[in-house]
Amino acid sequence: MSQTRRVIPEITVDELADLLQSGGASLIDVREEWEFHRGRVPGAVSIPLRQLPARIADLPRDGRCLVICEHGNRSLAATEFLLGNGFESAASVAGGTTAWARSARPLERGRV
């Protein structure tokens, strides 16, 4: 008996930049707080992965819900969780914050 795995949608940092510029997406950073304060994509909201189930009601259901972490692993898990909970336009950012920084885009630092 084979089980079908859901393909988790991913976007590139270039696509992320375009979506954030157009205002058509919310960006959830699922890294730990200390990682988030060390450097984040401007406009990202911190919801550590372990807190996501308890804070799902805080997430906007209109527009795209994009998820980012350090490299893309935690954001894939978070995106799979969101898809399973009705966030049909959720997507993970491939390469995470590391890819964003390597693309020479700005990072915000410090506490919000």
N, C-alpha and C. Protein backbone atom coordinates (compact mmCIF):
# COMPACT_ATOMS: atom_id res chain seq x y z
N MET A 1 0.85 -1.18 0.00
CA MET A 1 0.00 0.00 0.00
C MET A 1 0.90 1.24 0.00
N SER A 2 0.72 2.12 -0.95
CA SER A 2 1.52 3.34 -1.00
C SER A 2 0.71 4.52 -0.48
N GLN A 3 1.45 5.42 0.12
CA GLN A 3 0.82 6.61 0.68
C GLN A 3 1.26 7.81 -0.15
N THR A 4 0.34 8.66 -0.52
CA THR A 4 0.66 9.84 -1.31
C THR A 4 1.06 10.98 -0.39
N ARG A 5 2.26 11.53 -0.63
CA ARG A 5 2.71 12.68 0.15
C ARG A 5 2.34 13.96 -0.58
N ARG A 6 1.95 14.93 0.19
CA ARG A 6 1.60 16.24 -0.36
C ARG A 6 2.88 16.96 -0.77
N VAL A 7 2.85 17.57 -1.92
CA VAL A 7 3.97 18.39 -2.36
C VAL A 7 3.81 19.75 -1.69
N ILE A 8 4.84 20.17 -0.99
CA ILE A 8 4.79 21.45 -0.27
C ILE A 8 5.24 22.55 -1.23
N PRO A 9 4.38 23.54 -1.46
CA PRO A 9 4.76 24.64 -2.36
C PRO A 9 5.92 25.46 -1.80
N GLU A 10 6.84 25.81 -2.68
CA GLU A 10 7.97 26.65 -2.30
C GLU A 10 8.08 27.80 -3.29
N ILE A 11 8.58 28.92 -2.79
CA ILE A 11 8.87 30.07 -3.64
C ILE A 11 10.33 30.46 -3.41
N THR A 12 10.88 31.19 -4.35
CA THR A 12 12.25 31.68 -4.24
C THR A 12 12.27 33.01 -3.49
N VAL A 13 13.47 33.45 -3.11
CA VAL A 13 13.57 34.75 -2.45
C VAL A 13 13.23 35.87 -3.42
N ASP A 14 13.45 35.67 -4.72
CA ASP A 14 13.04 36.68 -5.71
C ASP A 14 11.52 36.83 -5.73
N GLU A 15 10.83 35.68 -5.71
CA GLU A 15 9.36 35.72 -5.67
C GLU A 15 8.89 36.34 -4.36
N LEU A 16 9.56 36.01 -3.26
CA LEU A 16 9.21 36.61 -1.96
C LEU A 16 9.33 38.13 -2.02
N ALA A 17 10.43 38.62 -2.55
CA ALA A 17 10.63 40.07 -2.64
C ALA A 17 9.50 40.73 -3.43
N ASP A 18 9.11 40.12 -4.54
CA ASP A 18 8.03 40.67 -5.36
C ASP A 18 6.70 40.67 -4.60
N LEU A 19 6.40 39.56 -3.91
CA LEU A 19 5.15 39.47 -3.16
C LEU A 19 5.11 40.46 -1.99
N LEU A 20 6.22 40.62 -1.31
CA LEU A 20 6.25 41.58 -0.20
C LEU A 20 6.11 43.00 -0.70
N GLN A 21 6.74 43.30 -1.83
CA GLN A 21 6.64 44.65 -2.40
C GLN A 21 5.22 44.97 -2.83
N SER A 22 4.51 43.99 -3.35
CA SER A 22 3.14 44.22 -3.81
C SER A 22 2.14 44.23 -2.66
N GLY A 23 2.57 43.79 -1.48
CA GLY A 23 1.67 43.76 -0.33
C GLY A 23 0.68 42.62 -0.34
N GLY A 24 0.92 41.63 -1.17
CA GLY A 24 -0.03 40.53 -1.30
C GLY A 24 0.27 39.31 -0.44
N ALA A 25 1.13 39.48 0.57
CA ALA A 25 1.49 38.31 1.37
C ALA A 25 1.89 38.70 2.78
N SER A 26 1.69 37.76 3.69
CA SER A 26 2.19 37.87 5.06
C SER A 26 3.36 36.91 5.17
N LEU A 27 4.40 37.32 5.90
CA LEU A 27 5.58 36.48 6.07
C LEU A 27 5.73 36.09 7.53
N ILE A 28 5.69 34.79 7.79
CA ILE A 28 5.82 34.24 9.14
C ILE A 28 7.21 33.62 9.25
N ASP A 29 7.98 34.06 10.24
CA ASP A 29 9.31 33.52 10.50
C ASP A 29 9.19 32.53 11.65
N VAL A 30 9.46 31.25 11.38
CA VAL A 30 9.25 30.21 12.38
C VAL A 30 10.52 29.83 13.14
N ARG A 31 11.55 30.66 13.03
CA ARG A 31 12.77 30.41 13.81
C ARG A 31 12.54 30.81 15.27
N GLU A 32 13.48 30.42 16.12
CA GLU A 32 13.43 30.82 17.53
C GLU A 32 13.65 32.32 17.63
N GLU A 33 13.19 32.91 18.74
CA GLU A 33 13.29 34.37 18.92
C GLU A 33 14.73 34.88 18.76
N TRP A 34 15.70 34.18 19.34
CA TRP A 34 17.09 34.66 19.25
C TRP A 34 17.57 34.67 17.80
N GLU A 35 17.11 33.74 16.97
CA GLU A 35 17.46 33.73 15.55
C GLU A 35 16.80 34.89 14.83
N PHE A 36 15.54 35.12 15.16
CA PHE A 36 14.77 36.20 14.55
C PHE A 36 15.43 37.55 14.83
N HIS A 37 15.88 37.77 16.07
CA HIS A 37 16.50 39.06 16.43
C HIS A 37 17.88 39.22 15.81
N ARG A 38 18.53 38.12 15.49
CA ARG A 38 19.86 38.16 14.89
C ARG A 38 19.80 38.72 13.46
N GLY A 39 18.69 38.50 12.76
CA GLY A 39 18.54 39.03 11.41
C GLY A 39 17.34 38.41 10.73
N ARG A 40 16.45 39.24 10.18
CA ARG A 40 15.20 38.76 9.59
C ARG A 40 14.86 39.57 8.34
N VAL A 41 14.00 38.99 7.52
CA VAL A 41 13.48 39.70 6.35
C VAL A 41 12.59 40.83 6.87
N PRO A 42 12.76 42.04 6.38
CA PRO A 42 11.92 43.15 6.83
C PRO A 42 10.43 42.82 6.68
N GLY A 43 9.68 43.08 7.74
CA GLY A 43 8.25 42.84 7.74
C GLY A 43 7.83 41.47 8.23
N ALA A 44 8.79 40.59 8.47
CA ALA A 44 8.45 39.25 8.95
C ALA A 44 7.90 39.31 10.38
N VAL A 45 6.98 38.39 10.67
CA VAL A 45 6.39 38.27 12.00
C VAL A 45 6.93 36.99 12.63
N SER A 46 7.38 37.09 13.87
CA SER A 46 7.96 35.93 14.55
C SER A 46 6.88 35.07 15.21
N ILE A 47 6.81 33.81 14.76
CA ILE A 47 6.00 32.79 15.43
C ILE A 47 6.84 31.51 15.39
N PRO A 48 7.62 31.25 16.45
CA PRO A 48 8.46 30.05 16.45
C PRO A 48 7.63 28.80 16.14
N LEU A 49 8.23 27.86 15.44
CA LEU A 49 7.54 26.66 14.98
C LEU A 49 6.78 25.96 16.11
N ARG A 50 7.37 25.85 17.27
CA ARG A 50 6.70 25.16 18.39
C ARG A 50 5.45 25.89 18.86
N GLN A 51 5.34 27.19 18.57
CA GLN A 51 4.18 27.98 18.98
C GLN A 51 3.09 28.06 17.90
N LEU A 52 3.40 27.62 16.70
CA LEU A 52 2.48 27.78 15.58
C LEU A 52 1.10 27.19 15.83
N PRO A 53 0.98 25.96 16.34
CA PRO A 53 -0.38 25.43 16.56
C PRO A 53 -1.22 26.29 17.51
N ALA A 54 -0.60 26.82 18.55
CA ALA A 54 -1.34 27.64 19.52
C ALA A 54 -1.67 29.04 18.98
N ARG A 55 -0.92 29.49 17.96
CA ARG A 55 -1.11 30.85 17.45
C ARG A 55 -1.73 30.90 16.06
N ILE A 56 -2.23 29.77 15.60
CA ILE A 56 -2.78 29.72 14.24
C ILE A 56 -3.93 30.71 14.04
N ALA A 57 -4.68 30.98 15.09
CA ALA A 57 -5.79 31.94 14.99
C ALA A 57 -5.30 33.36 14.75
N ASP A 58 -4.01 33.64 15.06
CA ASP A 58 -3.43 34.97 14.86
C ASP A 58 -3.08 35.24 13.40
N LEU A 59 -3.08 34.21 12.58
CA LEU A 59 -2.63 34.36 11.20
C LEU A 59 -3.76 34.86 10.29
N PRO A 60 -3.41 35.78 9.39
CA PRO A 60 -4.43 36.28 8.46
C PRO A 60 -4.80 35.21 7.44
N ARG A 61 -6.06 35.09 7.15
CA ARG A 61 -6.52 34.09 6.18
C ARG A 61 -6.73 34.71 4.80
N ASP A 62 -6.63 36.03 4.70
CA ASP A 62 -6.74 36.66 3.39
C ASP A 62 -5.32 36.90 2.85
N GLY A 63 -5.14 36.69 1.59
CA GLY A 63 -3.81 36.84 1.01
C GLY A 63 -2.96 35.60 1.22
N ARG A 64 -1.75 35.65 0.72
CA ARG A 64 -0.82 34.52 0.84
C ARG A 64 -0.16 34.51 2.20
N CYS A 65 0.06 33.34 2.72
CA CYS A 65 0.78 33.16 3.98
C CYS A 65 2.08 32.45 3.63
N LEU A 66 3.18 33.17 3.72
CA LEU A 66 4.49 32.63 3.39
C LEU A 66 5.25 32.34 4.67
N VAL A 67 6.07 31.30 4.64
CA VAL A 67 6.77 30.86 5.83
C VAL A 67 8.26 30.78 5.54
N ILE A 68 9.06 31.32 6.47
CA ILE A 68 10.51 31.33 6.31
C ILE A 68 11.17 30.87 7.61
N CYS A 69 12.35 30.28 7.47
CA CYS A 69 13.18 29.92 8.63
C CYS A 69 14.62 30.24 8.26
N GLU A 70 15.58 29.49 8.78
CA GLU A 70 16.99 29.77 8.47
C GLU A 70 17.39 29.24 7.09
N HIS A 71 17.07 27.96 6.82
CA HIS A 71 17.49 27.33 5.57
C HIS A 71 16.34 26.76 4.75
N GLY A 72 15.16 26.58 5.33
CA GLY A 72 14.02 26.07 4.59
C GLY A 72 13.41 24.78 5.12
N ASN A 73 14.03 24.15 6.11
CA ASN A 73 13.49 22.88 6.64
C ASN A 73 12.30 23.09 7.57
N ARG A 74 12.44 23.96 8.55
CA ARG A 74 11.33 24.22 9.48
C ARG A 74 10.17 24.86 8.76
N SER A 75 10.46 25.71 7.77
CA SER A 75 9.37 26.37 7.05
C SER A 75 8.57 25.36 6.22
N LEU A 76 9.22 24.31 5.73
CA LEU A 76 8.47 23.26 5.02
C LEU A 76 7.50 22.56 5.97
N ALA A 77 7.96 22.25 7.18
CA ALA A 77 7.08 21.61 8.17
C ALA A 77 5.93 22.53 8.55
N ALA A 78 6.23 23.82 8.75
CA ALA A 78 5.19 24.78 9.11
C ALA A 78 4.18 24.95 7.98
N THR A 79 4.67 25.00 6.75
CA THR A 79 3.78 25.14 5.59
C THR A 79 2.88 23.93 5.46
N GLU A 80 3.42 22.74 5.67
CA GLU A 80 2.60 21.53 5.62
C GLU A 80 1.50 21.59 6.69
N PHE A 81 1.84 22.07 7.88
CA PHE A 81 0.86 22.23 8.95
C PHE A 81 -0.23 23.22 8.52
N LEU A 82 0.18 24.36 7.97
CA LEU A 82 -0.79 25.38 7.55
C LEU A 82 -1.71 24.87 6.44
N LEU A 83 -1.14 24.18 5.47
CA LEU A 83 -1.95 23.62 4.39
C LEU A 83 -3.00 22.66 4.95
N GLY A 84 -2.62 21.87 5.93
CA GLY A 84 -3.54 20.93 6.55
C GLY A 84 -4.61 21.60 7.39
N ASN A 85 -4.41 22.89 7.68
CA ASN A 85 -5.37 23.64 8.48
C ASN A 85 -6.07 24.74 7.69
N GLY A 86 -6.17 24.53 6.38
CA GLY A 86 -6.98 25.42 5.57
C GLY A 86 -6.30 26.62 4.95
N PHE A 87 -5.00 26.78 5.13
CA PHE A 87 -4.28 27.89 4.51
C PHE A 87 -3.80 27.43 3.13
N GLU A 88 -4.72 27.45 2.18
CA GLU A 88 -4.47 26.86 0.86
C GLU A 88 -3.40 27.57 0.05
N SER A 89 -3.11 28.83 0.35
CA SER A 89 -2.10 29.55 -0.41
C SER A 89 -0.76 29.65 0.33
N ALA A 90 -0.58 28.85 1.37
CA ALA A 90 0.68 28.86 2.12
C ALA A 90 1.81 28.32 1.26
N ALA A 91 3.00 28.88 1.46
CA ALA A 91 4.19 28.41 0.74
C ALA A 91 5.42 28.67 1.60
N SER A 92 6.40 27.81 1.44
CA SER A 92 7.68 27.93 2.13
C SER A 92 8.66 28.70 1.25
N VAL A 93 9.56 29.45 1.89
CA VAL A 93 10.59 30.18 1.15
C VAL A 93 11.83 29.29 1.06
N ALA A 94 12.15 28.84 -0.14
CA ALA A 94 13.29 27.96 -0.36
C ALA A 94 14.59 28.67 0.04
N GLY A 95 15.40 27.99 0.81
CA GLY A 95 16.69 28.55 1.23
C GLY A 95 16.61 29.47 2.42
N GLY A 96 15.40 29.87 2.80
CA GLY A 96 15.18 30.66 4.01
C GLY A 96 15.89 32.00 4.06
N THR A 97 16.10 32.45 5.30
CA THR A 97 16.73 33.74 5.54
C THR A 97 18.16 33.75 5.02
N THR A 98 18.80 32.60 5.04
CA THR A 98 20.16 32.50 4.50
C THR A 98 20.18 32.87 3.02
N ALA A 99 19.24 32.35 2.25
CA ALA A 99 19.16 32.67 0.82
C ALA A 99 18.83 34.15 0.62
N TRP A 100 17.96 34.69 1.47
CA TRP A 100 17.62 36.12 1.38
C TRP A 100 18.88 36.96 1.59
N ALA A 101 19.64 36.66 2.63
CA ALA A 101 20.86 37.42 2.92
C ALA A 101 21.90 37.26 1.80
N ARG A 102 22.03 36.06 1.27
CA ARG A 102 23.00 35.81 0.19
C ARG A 102 22.62 36.54 -1.10
N SER A 103 21.35 36.90 -1.24
CA SER A 103 20.91 37.63 -2.43
C SER A 103 21.16 39.14 -2.28
N ALA A 104 21.87 39.51 -1.21
CA ALA A 104 22.24 40.91 -0.93
C ALA A 104 21.03 41.78 -0.60
N ARG A 105 19.96 41.17 -0.12
CA ARG A 105 18.80 41.94 0.32
C ARG A 105 18.98 42.31 1.79
N PRO A 106 18.31 43.37 2.24
CA PRO A 106 18.52 43.85 3.61
C PRO A 106 17.91 42.92 4.67
N LEU A 107 18.52 42.94 5.83
CA LEU A 107 17.99 42.25 7.01
C LEU A 107 17.74 43.28 8.10
N GLU A 108 16.65 43.09 8.83
CA GLU A 108 16.42 43.88 10.03
C GLU A 108 17.06 43.12 11.19
N ARG A 109 17.58 43.85 12.16
CA ARG A 109 18.23 43.22 13.30
C ARG A 109 17.72 43.81 14.60
N GLY A 110 17.86 43.06 15.68
CA GLY A 110 17.47 43.54 16.99
C GLY A 110 16.03 43.21 17.31
N ARG A 111 15.62 43.69 18.45
CA ARG A 111 14.26 43.44 18.93
C ARG A 111 13.27 44.34 18.20
N VAL A 112 12.08 43.85 18.05
CA VAL A 112 11.03 44.62 17.37
C VAL A 112 10.39 45.58 18.35
